[in-house]
Amino acid sequence: LKLTRPFGLANIPDDALVLTVGGDVQQDRVELTFVGWTREGDMRVLGHEVVWGSPTEPPTWQEVEDQLRRQFRHPRGGVLTVDAAIIDSG
């Protein structure tokens, strides 16, 4: 059984006004979760991206930065970008 969501990174919901990313650093990758936030403070998990590579290597962080600079077309017009990100390296 495959469940599909009515929204995602390629299909931003129209009530998403702010976009944030949470990142988790692992030994061989950085996992990034993209979340859209509504005016009421509800969250919409839009997608999850994995950047493979050692967190001690600059190319890994360049790819993370590239992910954080992505732009997403909003259905009401305009573009959403990442407003805030937090990376847990602990």
N, C-alpha and C. Protein backbone atom coordinates (compact mmCIF):
# COMPACT_ATOMS: atom_id res chain seq x y z
N LEU A 1 0.85 -1.18 0.00
CA LEU A 1 0.00 0.00 0.00
C LEU A 1 0.89 1.24 0.00
N LYS A 2 0.72 2.07 -0.99
CA LYS A 2 1.49 3.31 -1.07
C LYS A 2 0.57 4.49 -0.77
N LEU A 3 0.94 5.26 0.25
CA LEU A 3 0.16 6.44 0.59
C LEU A 3 0.75 7.65 -0.11
N THR A 4 -0.08 8.49 -0.63
CA THR A 4 0.39 9.72 -1.26
C THR A 4 -0.16 10.91 -0.50
N ARG A 5 0.66 11.92 -0.42
CA ARG A 5 0.25 13.16 0.25
C ARG A 5 -0.24 14.14 -0.80
N PRO A 6 -1.14 15.01 -0.40
CA PRO A 6 -1.61 16.01 -1.36
C PRO A 6 -0.60 17.14 -1.56
N PHE A 7 0.52 17.10 -0.82
CA PHE A 7 1.51 18.16 -0.94
C PHE A 7 2.91 17.60 -0.74
N GLY A 8 3.90 18.39 -1.09
CA GLY A 8 5.31 18.02 -0.95
C GLY A 8 6.17 19.14 -1.47
N LEU A 9 7.45 18.88 -1.65
CA LEU A 9 8.35 19.93 -2.14
C LEU A 9 8.01 20.36 -3.56
N ALA A 10 7.47 19.45 -4.35
CA ALA A 10 7.08 19.81 -5.71
C ALA A 10 5.66 20.35 -5.78
N ASN A 11 4.94 20.28 -4.66
CA ASN A 11 3.55 20.71 -4.61
C ASN A 11 3.29 21.36 -3.25
N ILE A 12 3.79 22.58 -3.08
CA ILE A 12 3.67 23.31 -1.82
C ILE A 12 2.19 23.61 -1.55
N PRO A 13 1.69 23.33 -0.34
CA PRO A 13 0.29 23.66 -0.04
C PRO A 13 0.09 25.17 0.01
N ASP A 14 -1.07 25.63 -0.38
CA ASP A 14 -1.29 27.08 -0.46
C ASP A 14 -1.32 27.75 0.90
N ASP A 15 -1.52 26.97 2.00
CA ASP A 15 -1.53 27.61 3.32
C ASP A 15 -0.13 27.67 3.95
N ALA A 16 0.87 27.14 3.27
CA ALA A 16 2.25 27.22 3.79
C ALA A 16 2.82 28.60 3.48
N LEU A 17 3.19 29.32 4.53
CA LEU A 17 3.68 30.68 4.36
C LEU A 17 5.16 30.83 4.69
N VAL A 18 5.68 29.94 5.52
CA VAL A 18 7.07 29.98 5.96
C VAL A 18 7.65 28.59 5.78
N LEU A 19 8.92 28.54 5.36
CA LEU A 19 9.59 27.26 5.13
C LEU A 19 10.82 27.17 6.02
N THR A 20 10.91 26.07 6.78
CA THR A 20 12.08 25.84 7.63
C THR A 20 12.67 24.47 7.30
N VAL A 21 13.91 24.28 7.76
CA VAL A 21 14.57 22.99 7.57
C VAL A 21 15.23 22.59 8.89
N GLY A 22 15.06 21.33 9.25
CA GLY A 22 15.77 20.75 10.38
C GLY A 22 16.75 19.74 9.85
N GLY A 23 17.99 19.80 10.32
CA GLY A 23 19.02 18.89 9.84
C GLY A 23 19.61 18.06 10.96
N ASP A 24 19.94 16.83 10.65
CA ASP A 24 20.55 15.92 11.61
C ASP A 24 21.83 15.37 10.99
N VAL A 25 22.96 15.59 11.66
CA VAL A 25 24.26 15.15 11.16
C VAL A 25 24.54 13.73 11.66
N GLN A 26 24.86 12.85 10.73
CA GLN A 26 25.26 11.48 11.03
C GLN A 26 26.70 11.28 10.54
N GLN A 27 27.27 10.12 10.80
CA GLN A 27 28.66 9.86 10.41
C GLN A 27 28.91 9.98 8.92
N ASP A 28 27.93 9.56 8.11
CA ASP A 28 28.13 9.49 6.67
C ASP A 28 27.13 10.32 5.87
N ARG A 29 26.39 11.19 6.56
CA ARG A 29 25.34 11.94 5.85
C ARG A 29 24.79 13.06 6.73
N VAL A 30 24.04 13.96 6.08
CA VAL A 30 23.25 14.97 6.77
C VAL A 30 21.82 14.81 6.26
N GLU A 31 20.88 14.60 7.17
CA GLU A 31 19.49 14.42 6.79
C GLU A 31 18.74 15.72 7.03
N LEU A 32 18.01 16.18 6.01
CA LEU A 32 17.31 17.47 6.06
C LEU A 32 15.81 17.25 5.90
N THR A 33 15.02 17.81 6.81
CA THR A 33 13.57 17.74 6.70
C THR A 33 13.02 19.14 6.46
N PHE A 34 12.30 19.29 5.37
CA PHE A 34 11.70 20.57 4.97
C PHE A 34 10.27 20.63 5.51
N VAL A 35 9.94 21.74 6.21
CA VAL A 35 8.62 21.90 6.83
C VAL A 35 8.03 23.25 6.42
N GLY A 36 6.77 23.22 6.01
CA GLY A 36 6.02 24.44 5.73
C GLY A 36 5.16 24.77 6.94
N TRP A 37 5.04 26.04 7.25
CA TRP A 37 4.26 26.50 8.41
C TRP A 37 3.11 27.38 7.95
N THR A 38 1.94 27.16 8.56
CA THR A 38 0.75 27.96 8.22
C THR A 38 0.65 29.17 9.14
N ARG A 39 -0.26 30.05 8.82
CA ARG A 39 -0.53 31.23 9.64
C ARG A 39 -0.93 30.83 11.05
N GLU A 40 -1.62 29.71 11.18
CA GLU A 40 -2.09 29.24 12.49
C GLU A 40 -1.00 28.50 13.27
N GLY A 41 0.17 28.30 12.68
CA GLY A 41 1.26 27.61 13.36
C GLY A 41 1.26 26.11 13.13
N ASP A 42 0.41 25.63 12.24
CA ASP A 42 0.41 24.21 11.89
C ASP A 42 1.59 23.92 10.96
N MET A 43 2.15 22.73 11.10
CA MET A 43 3.27 22.37 10.26
C MET A 43 2.86 21.35 9.21
N ARG A 44 3.52 21.44 8.07
CA ARG A 44 3.31 20.50 6.97
C ARG A 44 4.68 19.96 6.59
N VAL A 45 4.94 18.69 6.88
CA VAL A 45 6.22 18.11 6.47
C VAL A 45 6.17 17.94 4.96
N LEU A 46 7.06 18.64 4.26
CA LEU A 46 7.02 18.69 2.81
C LEU A 46 7.99 17.72 2.15
N GLY A 47 9.07 17.40 2.82
CA GLY A 47 10.02 16.48 2.21
C GLY A 47 11.23 16.22 3.08
N HIS A 48 11.96 15.21 2.68
CA HIS A 48 13.16 14.80 3.40
C HIS A 48 14.25 14.52 2.37
N GLU A 49 15.39 15.16 2.54
CA GLU A 49 16.51 14.96 1.62
C GLU A 49 17.71 14.46 2.41
N VAL A 50 18.47 13.57 1.82
CA VAL A 50 19.68 13.05 2.44
C VAL A 50 20.88 13.50 1.62
N VAL A 51 21.81 14.16 2.28
CA VAL A 51 23.07 14.56 1.66
C VAL A 51 24.12 13.56 2.14
N TRP A 52 24.57 12.72 1.23
CA TRP A 52 25.55 11.71 1.59
C TRP A 52 26.94 12.29 1.57
N GLY A 53 27.74 11.96 2.59
CA GLY A 53 29.12 12.40 2.67
C GLY A 53 29.51 12.65 4.10
N SER A 54 30.78 12.70 4.34
CA SER A 54 31.30 12.92 5.68
C SER A 54 31.07 14.37 6.11
N PRO A 55 30.61 14.56 7.35
CA PRO A 55 30.42 15.93 7.84
C PRO A 55 31.74 16.67 8.08
N THR A 56 32.85 15.97 7.94
CA THR A 56 34.15 16.63 8.08
C THR A 56 34.69 17.12 6.75
N GLU A 57 33.96 16.87 5.66
CA GLU A 57 34.42 17.25 4.32
C GLU A 57 33.62 18.43 3.77
N PRO A 58 34.31 19.45 3.27
CA PRO A 58 33.61 20.63 2.73
C PRO A 58 32.58 20.34 1.63
N PRO A 59 32.80 19.37 0.72
CA PRO A 59 31.77 19.13 -0.31
C PRO A 59 30.41 18.74 0.27
N THR A 60 30.42 18.04 1.41
CA THR A 60 29.15 17.68 2.06
C THR A 60 28.39 18.94 2.45
N TRP A 61 29.09 19.88 3.06
CA TRP A 61 28.45 21.11 3.52
C TRP A 61 28.06 22.02 2.36
N GLN A 62 28.79 21.93 1.24
CA GLN A 62 28.40 22.70 0.06
C GLN A 62 27.06 22.17 -0.47
N GLU A 63 26.90 20.85 -0.46
CA GLU A 63 25.63 20.28 -0.91
C GLU A 63 24.49 20.63 0.05
N VAL A 64 24.78 20.63 1.36
CA VAL A 64 23.76 21.06 2.33
C VAL A 64 23.37 22.50 2.04
N GLU A 65 24.36 23.36 1.83
CA GLU A 65 24.06 24.76 1.52
C GLU A 65 23.23 24.88 0.25
N ASP A 66 23.55 24.09 -0.76
CA ASP A 66 22.76 24.10 -2.00
C ASP A 66 21.31 23.73 -1.72
N GLN A 67 21.10 22.74 -0.86
CA GLN A 67 19.73 22.34 -0.50
C GLN A 67 19.00 23.50 0.19
N LEU A 68 19.71 24.19 1.08
CA LEU A 68 19.09 25.28 1.84
C LEU A 68 18.80 26.51 0.97
N ARG A 69 19.44 26.61 -0.18
CA ARG A 69 19.21 27.74 -1.08
C ARG A 69 18.15 27.45 -2.15
N ARG A 70 17.56 26.29 -2.10
CA ARG A 70 16.53 25.94 -3.09
C ARG A 70 15.35 26.91 -3.02
N GLN A 71 14.66 27.01 -4.13
CA GLN A 71 13.46 27.84 -4.20
C GLN A 71 12.29 26.96 -4.64
N PHE A 72 11.11 27.27 -4.09
CA PHE A 72 9.93 26.46 -4.35
C PHE A 72 8.79 27.36 -4.79
N ARG A 73 8.17 27.05 -5.89
CA ARG A 73 7.05 27.82 -6.42
C ARG A 73 5.84 27.65 -5.52
N HIS A 74 5.26 28.79 -5.08
CA HIS A 74 4.07 28.76 -4.24
C HIS A 74 2.84 28.78 -5.14
N PRO A 75 1.78 28.02 -4.82
CA PRO A 75 0.61 27.96 -5.69
C PRO A 75 -0.14 29.29 -5.82
N ARG A 76 0.04 30.20 -4.87
CA ARG A 76 -0.62 31.52 -4.96
C ARG A 76 0.24 32.53 -5.70
N GLY A 77 1.37 32.06 -6.24
CA GLY A 77 2.29 32.95 -6.93
C GLY A 77 3.50 33.21 -6.05
N GLY A 78 4.59 33.55 -6.65
CA GLY A 78 5.79 33.82 -5.90
C GLY A 78 6.58 32.56 -5.60
N VAL A 79 7.59 32.75 -4.80
CA VAL A 79 8.53 31.68 -4.50
C VAL A 79 8.80 31.64 -3.00
N LEU A 80 8.85 30.44 -2.43
CA LEU A 80 9.26 30.27 -1.04
C LEU A 80 10.73 29.86 -1.01
N THR A 81 11.44 30.42 -0.06
CA THR A 81 12.81 29.99 0.22
C THR A 81 12.89 29.60 1.68
N VAL A 82 13.96 29.00 2.08
CA VAL A 82 14.13 28.58 3.47
C VAL A 82 14.30 29.82 4.34
N ASP A 83 13.40 30.00 5.28
CA ASP A 83 13.46 31.16 6.18
C ASP A 83 14.38 30.93 7.38
N ALA A 84 14.49 29.68 7.81
CA ALA A 84 15.34 29.35 8.95
C ALA A 84 15.71 27.88 8.87
N ALA A 85 16.89 27.57 9.40
CA ALA A 85 17.33 26.18 9.45
C ALA A 85 18.08 25.96 10.76
N ILE A 86 17.97 24.75 11.26
CA ILE A 86 18.72 24.36 12.44
C ILE A 86 19.36 23.02 12.16
N ILE A 87 20.62 22.89 12.51
CA ILE A 87 21.37 21.66 12.27
C ILE A 87 21.81 21.09 13.62
N ASP A 88 21.44 19.85 13.91
CA ASP A 88 21.84 19.18 15.14
C ASP A 88 23.09 18.36 14.85
N SER A 89 24.18 18.76 15.41
CA SER A 89 25.43 18.05 15.17
C SER A 89 25.84 17.20 16.37
N GLY A 90 24.98 17.17 17.39
CA GLY A 90 25.31 16.58 18.67
C GLY A 90 25.35 15.11 18.70
